[in-house]
Amino acid sequence: KYPQLEPYMEHATEEYYEAEQLCAVLAWEKLRSIYHVEKTQ
């Protein structure tokens, strides 16, 4: 996204949170598992 900028500098905080979500999304794409839990209490 920012080839001219040094990592951990500008945009670092917002990009870290995006990276955390991407870790979940990219891993889920490899498995595509969905679980239903009927219990509600």
PDB file of all heavy atoms in Angstrom:
ATOM      1  N   LYS A   1       0.806  -1.216   0.000  1.00  0.00           N
ATOM      2  CA  LYS A   1       0.000   0.000   0.000  1.00  0.00           C
ATOM      3  C   LYS A   1       0.842   1.270   0.000  1.00  0.00           C
ATOM      4  O   LYS A   1       0.456   2.287  -0.575  1.00  0.00           O
ATOM      5  CB  LYS A   1      -0.948   0.001   1.204  1.00  0.00           C
ATOM      6  CG  LYS A   1      -2.003  -1.087   1.144  1.00  0.00           C
ATOM      7  CD  LYS A   1      -2.868  -1.112   2.388  1.00  0.00           C
ATOM      8  CE  LYS A   1      -3.799   0.079   2.443  1.00  0.00           C
ATOM      9  NZ  LYS A   1      -4.740  -0.054   3.588  1.00  0.00           N
ATOM     10  N   TYR A   2       1.988   1.222   0.681  1.00  0.00           N
ATOM     11  CA  TYR A   2       2.836   2.415   0.810  1.00  0.00           C
ATOM     12  C   TYR A   2       4.288   2.053   0.483  1.00  0.00           C
ATOM     13  O   TYR A   2       5.153   2.025   1.363  1.00  0.00           O
ATOM     14  CB  TYR A   2       2.760   2.983   2.234  1.00  0.00           C
ATOM     15  CG  TYR A   2       1.364   3.216   2.728  1.00  0.00           C
ATOM     16  CD1 TYR A   2       0.787   2.359   3.663  1.00  0.00           C
ATOM     17  CD2 TYR A   2       0.601   4.291   2.268  1.00  0.00           C
ATOM     18  CE1 TYR A   2      -0.506   2.567   4.124  1.00  0.00           C
ATOM     19  CE2 TYR A   2      -0.694   4.507   2.729  1.00  0.00           C
ATOM     20  CZ  TYR A   2      -1.233   3.643   3.657  1.00  0.00           C
ATOM     21  OH  TYR A   2      -2.516   3.848   4.118  1.00  0.00           O
ATOM     22  N   PRO A   3       4.592   1.749  -0.770  1.00  0.00           N
ATOM     23  CA  PRO A   3       5.939   1.282  -1.121  1.00  0.00           C
ATOM     24  C   PRO A   3       7.041   2.307  -0.862  1.00  0.00           C
ATOM     25  O   PRO A   3       8.208   1.936  -0.747  1.00  0.00           O
ATOM     26  CB  PRO A   3       5.815   0.959  -2.618  1.00  0.00           C
ATOM     27  CG  PRO A   3       4.643   1.764  -3.094  1.00  0.00           C
ATOM     28  CD  PRO A   3       3.693   1.804  -1.942  1.00  0.00           C
ATOM     29  N   GLN A   4       6.670   3.588  -0.771  1.00  0.00           N
ATOM     30  CA  GLN A   4       7.681   4.619  -0.576  1.00  0.00           C
ATOM     31  C   GLN A   4       7.908   4.967   0.895  1.00  0.00           C
ATOM     32  O   GLN A   4       8.783   5.782   1.222  1.00  0.00           O
ATOM     33  CB  GLN A   4       7.278   5.898  -1.330  1.00  0.00           C
ATOM     34  CG  GLN A   4       7.029   5.687  -2.812  1.00  0.00           C
ATOM     35  CD  GLN A   4       8.222   5.074  -3.530  1.00  0.00           C
ATOM     36  OE1 GLN A   4       9.356   5.465  -3.288  1.00  0.00           O
ATOM     37  NE2 GLN A   4       7.954   4.129  -4.415  1.00  0.00           N
ATOM     38  N   LEU A   5       7.101   4.403   1.779  1.00  0.00           N
ATOM     39  CA  LEU A   5       7.188   4.756   3.196  1.00  0.00           C
ATOM     40  C   LEU A   5       7.812   3.631   4.006  1.00  0.00           C
ATOM     41  O   LEU A   5       7.675   2.456   3.660  1.00  0.00           O
ATOM     42  CB  LEU A   5       5.804   5.073   3.759  1.00  0.00           C
ATOM     43  CG  LEU A   5       5.081   6.283   3.161  1.00  0.00           C
ATOM     44  CD1 LEU A   5       3.706   6.428   3.795  1.00  0.00           C
ATOM     45  CD2 LEU A   5       5.894   7.551   3.371  1.00  0.00           C
ATOM     46  N   GLU A   6       8.458   4.010   5.093  1.00  0.00           N
ATOM     47  CA  GLU A   6       9.042   3.021   5.976  1.00  0.00           C
ATOM     48  C   GLU A   6       7.944   2.426   6.872  1.00  0.00           C
ATOM     49  O   GLU A   6       7.117   3.153   7.399  1.00  0.00           O
ATOM     50  CB  GLU A   6      10.128   3.657   6.858  1.00  0.00           C
ATOM     51  CG  GLU A   6      11.411   3.967   6.127  1.00  0.00           C
ATOM     52  CD  GLU A   6      12.070   2.700   5.583  1.00  0.00           C
ATOM     53  OE1 GLU A   6      12.078   1.683   6.296  1.00  0.00           O
ATOM     54  OE2 GLU A   6      12.563   2.738   4.438  1.00  0.00           O
ATOM     55  N   PRO A   7       7.943   1.110   7.049  1.00  0.00           N
ATOM     56  CA  PRO A   7       6.978   0.517   7.975  1.00  0.00           C
ATOM     57  C   PRO A   7       7.146   1.083   9.385  1.00  0.00           C
ATOM     58  O   PRO A   7       8.210   1.587   9.749  1.00  0.00           O
ATOM     59  CB  PRO A   7       7.326  -0.969   7.933  1.00  0.00           C
ATOM     60  CG  PRO A   7       7.986  -1.159   6.611  1.00  0.00           C
ATOM     61  CD  PRO A   7       8.754   0.115   6.360  1.00  0.00           C
ATOM     62  N   TYR A   8       6.091   0.959  10.175  1.00  0.00           N
ATOM     63  CA  TYR A   8       6.072   1.421  11.560  1.00  0.00           C
ATOM     64  C   TYR A   8       6.195   2.940  11.651  1.00  0.00           C
ATOM     65  O   TYR A   8       6.537   3.484  12.685  1.00  0.00           O
ATOM     66  CB  TYR A   8       7.176   0.761  12.394  1.00  0.00           C
ATOM     67  CG  TYR A   8       7.125  -0.743  12.332  1.00  0.00           C
ATOM     68  CD1 TYR A   8       8.007  -1.443  11.530  1.00  0.00           C
ATOM     69  CD2 TYR A   8       6.153  -1.449  13.038  1.00  0.00           C
ATOM     70  CE1 TYR A   8       7.949  -2.838  11.447  1.00  0.00           C
ATOM     71  CE2 TYR A   8       6.090  -2.830  12.954  1.00  0.00           C
ATOM     72  CZ  TYR A   8       6.990  -3.514  12.167  1.00  0.00           C
ATOM     73  OH  TYR A   8       6.916  -4.870  12.081  1.00  0.00           O
ATOM     74  N   MET A   9       5.921   3.640  10.562  1.00  0.00           N
ATOM     75  CA  MET A   9       5.952   5.092  10.591  1.00  0.00           C
ATOM     76  C   MET A   9       4.535   5.605  10.357  1.00  0.00           C
ATOM     77  O   MET A   9       3.617   5.229  11.060  1.00  0.00           O
ATOM     78  CB  MET A   9       6.934   5.611   9.522  1.00  0.00           C
ATOM     79  CG  MET A   9       8.370   5.115   9.706  1.00  0.00           C
ATOM     80  SD  MET A   9       9.179   5.811  11.163  1.00  0.00           S
ATOM     81  CE  MET A   9       9.536   7.449  10.549  1.00  0.00           C
ATOM     82  N   GLU A  10       4.338   6.422   9.350  1.00  0.00           N
ATOM     83  CA  GLU A  10       3.030   6.971   9.053  1.00  0.00           C
ATOM     84  C   GLU A  10       2.039   5.853   8.719  1.00  0.00           C
ATOM     85  O   GLU A  10       2.395   4.866   8.078  1.00  0.00           O
ATOM     86  CB  GLU A  10       3.135   7.946   7.869  1.00  0.00           C
ATOM     87  CG  GLU A  10       1.867   8.732   7.605  1.00  0.00           C
ATOM     88  CD  GLU A  10       2.037   9.705   6.447  1.00  0.00           C
ATOM     89  OE1 GLU A  10       3.158   9.787   5.909  1.00  0.00           O
ATOM     90  OE2 GLU A  10       1.054  10.362   6.095  1.00  0.00           O
ATOM     91  N   HIS A  11       0.818   5.986   9.178  1.00  0.00           N
ATOM     92  CA  HIS A  11      -0.278   5.033   8.959  1.00  0.00           C
ATOM     93  C   HIS A  11      -0.107   3.733   9.754  1.00  0.00           C
ATOM     94  O   HIS A  11      -0.936   2.834   9.626  1.00  0.00           O
ATOM     95  CB  HIS A  11      -0.435   4.654   7.482  1.00  0.00           C
ATOM     96  CG  HIS A  11      -0.506   5.813   6.547  1.00  0.00           C
ATOM     97  ND1 HIS A  11      -1.561   6.697   6.535  1.00  0.00           N
ATOM     98  CD2 HIS A  11       0.346   6.238   5.583  1.00  0.00           C
ATOM     99  CE1 HIS A  11      -1.359   7.605   5.608  1.00  0.00           C
ATOM    100  NE2 HIS A  11      -0.207   7.358   5.014  1.00  0.00           N
ATOM    101  N   ALA A  12       0.924   3.605  10.566  1.00  0.00           N
ATOM    102  CA  ALA A  12       1.234   2.311  11.174  1.00  0.00           C
ATOM    103  C   ALA A  12       0.110   1.794  12.060  1.00  0.00           C
ATOM    104  O   ALA A  12      -0.249   0.620  11.990  1.00  0.00           O
ATOM    105  CB  ALA A  12       2.526   2.408  11.977  1.00  0.00           C
ATOM    106  N   THR A  13      -0.476   2.659  12.886  1.00  0.00           N
ATOM    107  CA  THR A  13      -1.501   2.197  13.824  1.00  0.00           C
ATOM    108  C   THR A  13      -2.728   1.663  13.107  1.00  0.00           C
ATOM    109  O   THR A  13      -3.199   0.554  13.375  1.00  0.00           O
ATOM    110  CB  THR A  13      -1.909   3.328  14.780  1.00  0.00           C
ATOM    111  OG1 THR A  13      -0.759   3.764  15.522  1.00  0.00           O
ATOM    112  CG2 THR A  13      -2.976   2.847  15.757  1.00  0.00           C
ATOM    113  N   GLU A  14      -3.246   2.449  12.148  1.00  0.00           N
ATOM    114  CA  GLU A  14      -4.444   2.008  11.430  1.00  0.00           C
ATOM    115  C   GLU A  14      -4.159   0.756  10.619  1.00  0.00           C
ATOM    116  O   GLU A  14      -5.025  -0.133  10.492  1.00  0.00           O
ATOM    117  CB  GLU A  14      -4.956   3.122  10.520  1.00  0.00           C
ATOM    118  CG  GLU A  14      -3.971   3.571   9.449  1.00  0.00           C
ATOM    119  CD  GLU A  14      -4.392   4.854   8.757  1.00  0.00           C
ATOM    120  OE1 GLU A  14      -4.260   5.923   9.362  1.00  0.00           O
ATOM    121  OE2 GLU A  14      -4.848   4.754   7.611  1.00  0.00           O
ATOM    122  N   GLU A  15      -2.955   0.646  10.068  1.00  0.00           N
ATOM    123  CA  GLU A  15      -2.623  -0.521   9.274  1.00  0.00           C
ATOM    124  C   GLU A  15      -2.446  -1.775  10.137  1.00  0.00           C
ATOM    125  O   GLU A  15      -2.692  -2.891   9.683  1.00  0.00           O
ATOM    126  CB  GLU A  15      -1.348  -0.279   8.461  1.00  0.00           C
ATOM    127  CG  GLU A  15      -1.497   0.792   7.399  1.00  0.00           C
ATOM    128  CD  GLU A  15      -2.615   0.489   6.419  1.00  0.00           C
ATOM    129  OE1 GLU A  15      -2.830  -0.694   6.092  1.00  0.00           O
ATOM    130  OE2 GLU A  15      -3.289   1.438   5.983  1.00  0.00           O
ATOM    131  N   TYR A  16      -2.044  -1.568  11.390  1.00  0.00           N
ATOM    132  CA  TYR A  16      -1.900  -2.713  12.290  1.00  0.00           C
ATOM    133  C   TYR A  16      -3.261  -3.352  12.541  1.00  0.00           C
ATOM    134  O   TYR A  16      -3.405  -4.580  12.496  1.00  0.00           O
ATOM    135  CB  TYR A  16      -1.271  -2.277  13.612  1.00  0.00           C
ATOM    136  CG  TYR A  16      -1.121  -3.421  14.590  1.00  0.00           C
ATOM    137  CD1 TYR A  16      -0.001  -4.238  14.564  1.00  0.00           C
ATOM    138  CD2 TYR A  16      -2.117  -3.701  15.516  1.00  0.00           C
ATOM    139  CE1 TYR A  16       0.129  -5.305  15.438  1.00  0.00           C
ATOM    140  CE2 TYR A  16      -2.004  -4.768  16.394  1.00  0.00           C
ATOM    141  CZ  TYR A  16      -0.873  -5.555  16.359  1.00  0.00           C
ATOM    142  OH  TYR A  16      -0.764  -6.614  17.219  1.00  0.00           O
ATOM    143  N   TYR A  17      -4.277  -2.516  12.805  1.00  0.00           N
ATOM    144  CA  TYR A  17      -5.617  -3.062  13.046  1.00  0.00           C
ATOM    145  C   TYR A  17      -6.153  -3.747  11.792  1.00  0.00           C
ATOM    146  O   TYR A  17      -6.828  -4.777  11.874  1.00  0.00           O
ATOM    147  CB  TYR A  17      -6.563  -1.966  13.507  1.00  0.00           C
ATOM    148  CG  TYR A  17      -6.298  -1.513  14.920  1.00  0.00           C
ATOM    149  CD1 TYR A  17      -5.854  -0.229  15.207  1.00  0.00           C
ATOM    150  CD2 TYR A  17      -6.473  -2.399  15.989  1.00  0.00           C
ATOM    151  CE1 TYR A  17      -5.598   0.168  16.511  1.00  0.00           C
ATOM    152  CE2 TYR A  17      -6.200  -2.007  17.287  1.00  0.00           C
ATOM    153  CZ  TYR A  17      -5.772  -0.722  17.551  1.00  0.00           C
ATOM    154  OH  TYR A  17      -5.513  -0.341  18.834  1.00  0.00           O
ATOM    155  N   GLU A  18      -5.846  -3.182  10.629  1.00  0.00           N
ATOM    156  CA  GLU A  18      -6.265  -3.842   9.390  1.00  0.00           C
ATOM    157  C   GLU A  18      -5.553  -5.170   9.239  1.00  0.00           C
ATOM    158  O   GLU A  18      -6.167  -6.169   8.818  1.00  0.00           O
ATOM    159  CB  GLU A  18      -5.970  -2.947   8.189  1.00  0.00           C
ATOM    160  CG  GLU A  18      -6.389  -3.581   6.861  1.00  0.00           C
ATOM    161  CD  GLU A  18      -6.233  -2.634   5.695  1.00  0.00           C
ATOM    162  OE1 GLU A  18      -5.129  -2.613   5.105  1.00  0.00           O
ATOM    163  OE2 GLU A  18      -7.189  -1.920   5.385  1.00  0.00           O
ATOM    164  N   ALA A  19      -4.275  -5.206   9.575  1.00  0.00           N
ATOM    165  CA  ALA A  19      -3.513  -6.455   9.464  1.00  0.00           C
ATOM    166  C   ALA A  19      -4.103  -7.532  10.362  1.00  0.00           C
ATOM    167  O   ALA A  19      -4.167  -8.713   9.978  1.00  0.00           O
ATOM    168  CB  ALA A  19      -2.045  -6.214   9.816  1.00  0.00           C
ATOM    169  N   GLU A  20      -4.568  -7.147  11.541  1.00  0.00           N
ATOM    170  CA  GLU A  20      -5.147  -8.138  12.448  1.00  0.00           C
ATOM    171  C   GLU A  20      -6.425  -8.728  11.849  1.00  0.00           C
ATOM    172  O   GLU A  20      -6.657  -9.936  11.933  1.00  0.00           O
ATOM    173  CB  GLU A  20      -5.427  -7.510  13.806  1.00  0.00           C
ATOM    174  CG  GLU A  20      -5.870  -8.528  14.839  1.00  0.00           C
ATOM    175  CD  GLU A  20      -5.686  -8.040  16.255  1.00  0.00           C
ATOM    176  OE1 GLU A  20      -5.817  -6.825  16.481  1.00  0.00           O
ATOM    177  OE2 GLU A  20      -5.427  -8.870  17.137  1.00  0.00           O
ATOM    178  N   GLN A  21      -7.248  -7.882  11.236  1.00  0.00           N
ATOM    179  CA  GLN A  21      -8.454  -8.398  10.589  1.00  0.00           C
ATOM    180  C   GLN A  21      -8.093  -9.263   9.386  1.00  0.00           C
ATOM    181  O   GLN A  21      -8.726 -10.301   9.137  1.00  0.00           O
ATOM    182  CB  GLN A  21      -9.363  -7.243  10.168  1.00  0.00           C
ATOM    183  CG  GLN A  21      -9.976  -6.503  11.346  1.00  0.00           C
ATOM    184  CD  GLN A  21     -11.076  -5.542  10.919  1.00  0.00           C
ATOM    185  OE1 GLN A  21     -11.611  -5.625   9.830  1.00  0.00           O
ATOM    186  NE2 GLN A  21     -11.419  -4.611  11.783  1.00  0.00           N
ATOM    187  N   LEU A  22      -7.085  -8.853   8.642  1.00  0.00           N
ATOM    188  CA  LEU A  22      -6.663  -9.639   7.483  1.00  0.00           C
ATOM    189  C   LEU A  22      -6.135 -11.014   7.895  1.00  0.00           C
ATOM    190  O   LEU A  22      -6.334 -11.995   7.175  1.00  0.00           O
ATOM    191  CB  LEU A  22      -5.603  -8.882   6.684  1.00  0.00           C
ATOM    192  CG  LEU A  22      -6.122  -7.700   5.869  1.00  0.00           C
ATOM    193  CD1 LEU A  22      -4.961  -6.864   5.337  1.00  0.00           C
ATOM    194  CD2 LEU A  22      -6.996  -8.181   4.711  1.00  0.00           C
ATOM    195  N   CYS A  23      -5.479 -11.099   9.043  1.00  0.00           N
ATOM    196  CA  CYS A  23      -5.016 -12.399   9.537  1.00  0.00           C
ATOM    197  C   CYS A  23      -6.192 -13.356   9.680  1.00  0.00           C
ATOM    198  O   CYS A  23      -6.104 -14.537   9.309  1.00  0.00           O
ATOM    199  CB  CYS A  23      -4.316 -12.233  10.889  1.00  0.00           C
ATOM    200  SG  CYS A  23      -2.647 -11.556  10.801  1.00  0.00           S
ATOM    201  N   ALA A  24      -7.309 -12.842  10.208  1.00  0.00           N
ATOM    202  CA  ALA A  24      -8.499 -13.671  10.382  1.00  0.00           C
ATOM    203  C   ALA A  24      -9.121 -14.036   9.041  1.00  0.00           C
ATOM    204  O   ALA A  24      -9.448 -15.205   8.789  1.00  0.00           O
ATOM    205  CB  ALA A  24      -9.518 -12.936  11.253  1.00  0.00           C
ATOM    206  N   VAL A  25      -9.274 -13.057   8.174  1.00  0.00           N
ATOM    207  CA  VAL A  25      -9.950 -13.258   6.893  1.00  0.00           C
ATOM    208  C   VAL A  25      -9.157 -14.207   5.992  1.00  0.00           C
ATOM    209  O   VAL A  25      -9.722 -15.140   5.393  1.00  0.00           O
ATOM    210  CB  VAL A  25     -10.180 -11.901   6.198  1.00  0.00           C
ATOM    211  CG1 VAL A  25     -10.595 -12.096   4.753  1.00  0.00           C
ATOM    212  CG2 VAL A  25     -11.234 -11.090   6.940  1.00  0.00           C
ATOM    213  N   LEU A  26      -7.853 -13.983   5.873  1.00  0.00           N
ATOM    214  CA  LEU A  26      -7.034 -14.822   4.988  1.00  0.00           C
ATOM    215  C   LEU A  26      -6.979 -16.264   5.490  1.00  0.00           C
ATOM    216  O   LEU A  26      -6.981 -17.211   4.686  1.00  0.00           O
ATOM    217  CB  LEU A  26      -5.626 -14.243   4.881  1.00  0.00           C
ATOM    218  CG  LEU A  26      -5.519 -12.859   4.228  1.00  0.00           C
ATOM    219  CD1 LEU A  26      -4.071 -12.375   4.231  1.00  0.00           C
ATOM    220  CD2 LEU A  26      -6.071 -12.873   2.806  1.00  0.00           C
ATOM    221  N   ALA A  27      -6.933 -16.435   6.813  1.00  0.00           N
ATOM    222  CA  ALA A  27      -6.929 -17.793   7.365  1.00  0.00           C
ATOM    223  C   ALA A  27      -8.277 -18.463   7.142  1.00  0.00           C
ATOM    224  O   ALA A  27      -8.339 -19.654   6.783  1.00  0.00           O
ATOM    225  CB  ALA A  27      -6.597 -17.751   8.853  1.00  0.00           C
ATOM    226  N   TRP A  28      -9.375 -17.714   7.344  1.00  0.00           N
ATOM    227  CA  TRP A  28     -10.698 -18.315   7.165  1.00  0.00           C
ATOM    228  C   TRP A  28     -10.922 -18.740   5.716  1.00  0.00           C
ATOM    229  O   TRP A  28     -11.531 -19.784   5.466  1.00  0.00           O
ATOM    230  CB  TRP A  28     -11.809 -17.356   7.592  1.00  0.00           C
ATOM    231  CG  TRP A  28     -13.152 -18.026   7.548  1.00  0.00           C
ATOM    232  CD1 TRP A  28     -13.717 -18.776   8.541  1.00  0.00           C
ATOM    233  CD2 TRP A  28     -14.055 -18.074   6.435  1.00  0.00           C
ATOM    234  NE1 TRP A  28     -14.925 -19.285   8.115  1.00  0.00           N
ATOM    235  CE2 TRP A  28     -15.160 -18.874   6.831  1.00  0.00           C
ATOM    236  CE3 TRP A  28     -14.050 -17.525   5.158  1.00  0.00           C
ATOM    237  CZ2 TRP A  28     -16.235 -19.124   5.982  1.00  0.00           C
ATOM    238  CZ3 TRP A  28     -15.123 -17.779   4.308  1.00  0.00           C
ATOM    239  CH2 TRP A  28     -16.199 -18.562   4.723  1.00  0.00           C
ATOM    240  N   GLU A  29     -10.419 -17.965   4.770  1.00  0.00           N
ATOM    241  CA  GLU A  29     -10.596 -18.317   3.354  1.00  0.00           C
ATOM    242  C   GLU A  29     -10.006 -19.687   3.020  1.00  0.00           C
ATOM    243  O   GLU A  29     -10.484 -20.367   2.115  1.00  0.00           O
ATOM    244  CB  GLU A  29      -9.951 -17.252   2.463  1.00  0.00           C
ATOM    245  CG  GLU A  29     -10.820 -16.052   2.195  1.00  0.00           C
ATOM    246  CD  GLU A  29     -10.314 -15.234   1.031  1.00  0.00           C
ATOM    247  OE1 GLU A  29      -9.106 -14.914   1.003  1.00  0.00           O
ATOM    248  OE2 GLU A  29     -11.116 -14.920   0.141  1.00  0.00           O
ATOM    249  N   LYS A  30      -8.967 -20.076   3.749  1.00  0.00           N
ATOM    250  CA  LYS A  30      -8.344 -21.372   3.487  1.00  0.00           C
ATOM    251  C   LYS A  30      -9.182 -22.536   4.015  1.00  0.00           C
ATOM    252  O   LYS A  30      -9.023 -23.675   3.579  1.00  0.00           O
ATOM    253  CB  LYS A  30      -6.943 -21.425   4.120  1.00  0.00           C
ATOM    254  CG  LYS A  30      -5.928 -20.481   3.501  1.00  0.00           C
ATOM    255  CD  LYS A  30      -5.664 -20.815   2.047  1.00  0.00           C
ATOM    256  CE  LYS A  30      -4.591 -19.934   1.437  1.00  0.00           C
ATOM    257  NZ  LYS A  30      -4.423 -20.181  -0.018  1.00  0.00           N
ATOM    258  N   LEU A  31     -10.083 -22.246   4.972  1.00  0.00           N
ATOM    259  CA  LEU A  31     -10.841 -23.314   5.621  1.00  0.00           C
ATOM    260  C   LEU A  31     -12.335 -23.257   5.335  1.00  0.00           C
ATOM    261  O   LEU A  31     -13.000 -24.271   5.212  1.00  0.00           O
ATOM    262  CB  LEU A  31     -10.609 -23.241   7.132  1.00  0.00           C
ATOM    263  CG  LEU A  31      -9.197 -23.659   7.556  1.00  0.00           C
ATOM    264  CD1 LEU A  31      -8.753 -22.910   8.789  1.00  0.00           C
ATOM    265  CD2 LEU A  31      -9.161 -25.150   7.784  1.00  0.00           C
ATOM    266  N   ARG A  32     -12.887 -22.042   5.307  1.00  0.00           N
ATOM    267  CA  ARG A  32     -14.308 -21.806   5.024  1.00  0.00           C
ATOM    268  C   ARG A  32     -15.212 -22.658   5.912  1.00  0.00           C
ATOM    269  O   ARG A  32     -16.147 -23.310   5.444  1.00  0.00           O
ATOM    270  CB  ARG A  32     -14.605 -22.064   3.543  1.00  0.00           C
ATOM    271  CG  ARG A  32     -13.932 -21.070   2.624  1.00  0.00           C
ATOM    272  CD  ARG A  32     -14.262 -21.291   1.170  1.00  0.00           C
ATOM    273  NE  ARG A  32     -15.700 -21.204   0.904  1.00  0.00           N
ATOM    274  CZ  ARG A  32     -16.228 -21.163  -0.325  1.00  0.00           C
ATOM    275  NH1 ARG A  32     -15.434 -21.188  -1.383  1.00  0.00           N
ATOM    276  NH2 ARG A  32     -17.523 -21.107  -0.498  1.00  0.00           N
ATOM    277  N   SER A  33     -14.952 -22.628   7.221  1.00  0.00           N
ATOM    278  CA  SER A  33     -15.755 -23.376   8.182  1.00  0.00           C
ATOM    279  C   SER A  33     -16.672 -22.436   8.960  1.00  0.00           C
ATOM    280  O   SER A  33     -16.221 -21.408   9.465  1.00  0.00           O
ATOM    281  CB  SER A  33     -14.861 -24.136   9.160  1.00  0.00           C
ATOM    282  OG  SER A  33     -14.112 -25.127   8.488  1.00  0.00           O
ATOM    283  N   ILE A  34     -17.953 -22.804   9.053  1.00  0.00           N
ATOM    284  CA  ILE A  34     -18.938 -22.037   9.809  1.00  0.00           C
ATOM    285  C   ILE A  34     -19.623 -22.980  10.790  1.00  0.00           C
ATOM    286  O   ILE A  34     -20.081 -24.067  10.416  1.00  0.00           O
ATOM    287  CB  ILE A  34     -20.001 -21.398   8.891  1.00  0.00           C
ATOM    288  CG1 ILE A  34     -19.338 -20.504   7.836  1.00  0.00           C
ATOM    289  CG2 ILE A  34     -20.996 -20.586   9.714  1.00  0.00           C
ATOM    290  CD1 ILE A  34     -20.328 -19.909   6.832  1.00  0.00           C
ATOM    291  N   TYR A  35     -19.697 -22.544  12.039  1.00  0.00           N
ATOM    292  CA  TYR A  35     -20.297 -23.364  13.088  1.00  0.00           C
ATOM    293  C   TYR A  35     -21.535 -22.671  13.658  1.00  0.00           C
ATOM    294  O   TYR A  35     -21.559 -21.458  13.847  1.00  0.00           O
ATOM    295  CB  TYR A  35     -19.270 -23.614  14.200  1.00  0.00           C
ATOM    296  CG  TYR A  35     -18.044 -24.334  13.701  1.00  0.00           C
ATOM    297  CD1 TYR A  35     -16.925 -23.624  13.258  1.00  0.00           C
ATOM    298  CD2 TYR A  35     -18.013 -25.720  13.636  1.00  0.00           C
ATOM    299  CE1 TYR A  35     -15.803 -24.288  12.771  1.00  0.00           C
ATOM    300  CE2 TYR A  35     -16.895 -26.393  13.147  1.00  0.00           C
ATOM    301  CZ  TYR A  35     -15.799 -25.668  12.717  1.00  0.00           C
ATOM    302  OH  TYR A  35     -14.700 -26.335  12.232  1.00  0.00           O
ATOM    303  N   HIS A  36     -22.544 -23.493  13.926  1.00  0.00           N
ATOM    304  CA  HIS A  36     -23.778 -23.002  14.540  1.00  0.00           C
ATOM    305  C   HIS A  36     -23.850 -23.544  15.963  1.00  0.00           C
ATOM    306  O   HIS A  36     -23.711 -24.757  16.173  1.00  0.00           O
ATOM    307  CB  HIS A  36     -24.997 -23.494  13.755  1.00  0.00           C
ATOM    308  CG  HIS A  36     -25.096 -22.934  12.372  1.00  0.00           C
ATOM    309  ND1 HIS A  36     -26.094 -22.063  11.999  1.00  0.00           N
ATOM    310  CD2 HIS A  36     -24.321 -23.108  11.272  1.00  0.00           C
ATOM    311  CE1 HIS A  36     -25.941 -21.740  10.730  1.00  0.00           C
ATOM    312  NE2 HIS A  36     -24.854 -22.362  10.260  1.00  0.00           N
ATOM    313  N   VAL A  37     -24.071 -22.656  16.903  1.00  0.00           N
ATOM    314  CA  VAL A  37     -24.241 -23.057  18.301  1.00  0.00           C
ATOM    315  C   VAL A  37     -25.688 -22.770  18.679  1.00  0.00           C
ATOM    316  O   VAL A  37     -26.101 -21.611  18.738  1.00  0.00           O
ATOM    317  CB  VAL A  37     -23.259 -22.291  19.220  1.00  0.00           C
ATOM    318  CG1 VAL A  37     -23.536 -22.631  20.678  1.00  0.00           C
ATOM    319  CG2 VAL A  37     -21.814 -22.640  18.860  1.00  0.00           C
ATOM    320  N   GLU A  38     -26.460 -23.836  18.900  1.00  0.00           N
ATOM    321  CA  GLU A  38     -27.886 -23.673  19.160  1.00  0.00           C
ATOM    322  C   GLU A  38     -28.169 -23.112  20.547  1.00  0.00           C
ATOM    323  O   GLU A  38     -29.178 -22.443  20.767  1.00  0.00           O
ATOM    324  CB  GLU A  38     -28.595 -25.020  18.986  1.00  0.00           C
ATOM    325  CG  GLU A  38     -28.477 -25.601  17.580  1.00  0.00           C
ATOM    326  CD  GLU A  38     -29.124 -24.707  16.534  1.00  0.00           C
ATOM    327  OE1 GLU A  38     -30.169 -24.109  16.820  1.00  0.00           O
ATOM    328  OE2 GLU A  38     -28.555 -24.579  15.431  1.00  0.00           O
ATOM    329  N   LYS A  39     -27.298 -23.390  21.485  1.00  0.00           N
ATOM    330  CA  LYS A  39     -27.503 -22.923  22.855  1.00  0.00           C
ATOM    331  C   LYS A  39     -27.503 -21.402  22.898  1.00  0.00           C
ATOM    332  O   LYS A  39     -26.687 -20.745  22.248  1.00  0.00           O
ATOM    333  CB  LYS A  39     -26.404 -23.482  23.762  1.00  0.00           C
ATOM    334  CG  LYS A  39     -26.546 -23.120  25.231  1.00  0.00           C
ATOM    335  CD  LYS A  39     -25.433 -23.773  26.038  1.00  0.00           C
ATOM    336  CE  LYS A  39     -25.514 -23.357  27.504  1.00  0.00           C
ATOM    337  NZ  LYS A  39     -24.441 -23.971  28.315  1.00  0.00           N
ATOM    338  N   THR A  40     -28.412 -20.804  23.694  1.00  0.00           N
ATOM    339  CA  THR A  40     -28.508 -19.343  23.769  1.00  0.00           C
ATOM    340  C   THR A  40     -28.418 -18.801  25.193  1.00  0.00           C
ATOM    341  O   THR A  40     -28.385 -17.588  25.387  1.00  0.00           O
ATOM    342  CB  THR A  40     -29.835 -18.851  23.156  1.00  0.00           C
ATOM    343  OG1 THR A  40     -30.925 -19.484  23.827  1.00  0.00           O
ATOM    344  CG2 THR A  40     -29.900 -19.171  21.668  1.00  0.00           C
ATOM    345  N   GLN A  41     -28.392 -19.667  26.198  1.00  0.00           N
ATOM    346  CA  GLN A  41     -28.270 -19.232  27.595  1.00  0.00           C
ATOM    347  C   GLN A  41     -26.869 -19.574  28.094  1.00  0.00           C
ATOM    348  O   GLN A  41     -26.403 -20.710  27.935  1.00  0.00           O
ATOM    349  CB  GLN A  41     -29.327 -19.915  28.474  1.00  0.00           C
ATOM    350  CG  GLN A  41     -30.758 -19.623  28.058  1.00  0.00           C
ATOM    351  CD  GLN A  41     -31.094 -18.142  28.134  1.00  0.00           C
ATOM    352  OE1 GLN A  41     -30.736 -17.456  29.097  1.00  0.00           O
ATOM    353  NE2 GLN A  41     -31.763 -17.633  27.102  1.00  0.00           N
TER     354      GLN A  41
END
